[in-house]
């Protein structure tokens, strides 16, 4: 496979591509190359967040509910009044937690530091991103999630709904000064238990086809 940066100058039509666009194209190229070689890294996510994503931008503070639909499926999120609505980069938290649960083969996951999420997604390990990911754990934990489907037929309406919290329990230990140190002992372990209802809604593989593999616990 010829590198994308070598192909662009050969195109019959001159195209002005920014560095950001070129970086995205190279990322797509890398995914396809790894897929062909069978060396693709997989991540996992809960089915509701695959079909209907979290809000991309921070909702207004007075917004009490977020709703997203995708065909016959719907996702509705009610935030914790103090923690706020999950949004934007918070979507990385359930992806990372679901992936860790699959690898550990347990819906109760254990990890050394929230900064591991930054390492996993190759994000900067600075104070801003560290605080952002910690607050993301809190917002995901506090949110009440409604997910389901509604199908209307000629003579009847079929509804299939579920209400759950993505995390049932969370013990999170971190420094206020953004510099996460090694954990001093088992009493300070970071432990998260994924909600039973969330895992029963299926954990889906995130790849070119997000439905090629389902994991249950």
Foldseek 3Di string as FASTA:
>chain_A
DDQPVVVQVVDPDHDDDDPVRSVVVRVVVVQVVCVVVVNHDKWKAFPVCVQWNFAQDFDDLPDQKDWTDHVQKIKMKGWDNVLGAQHRPLRLVRRVLLRQCVVVVALKGWDWALCVSCVVVVHDLDQVVRVVSVSSVVRLQGMKMKIWGWDDDDPDIDTDIDIDRQWPDWQHDADPVSDGDGDPDPVNITITGGIQVRQVSWMFMDGPDRHPDTDHD
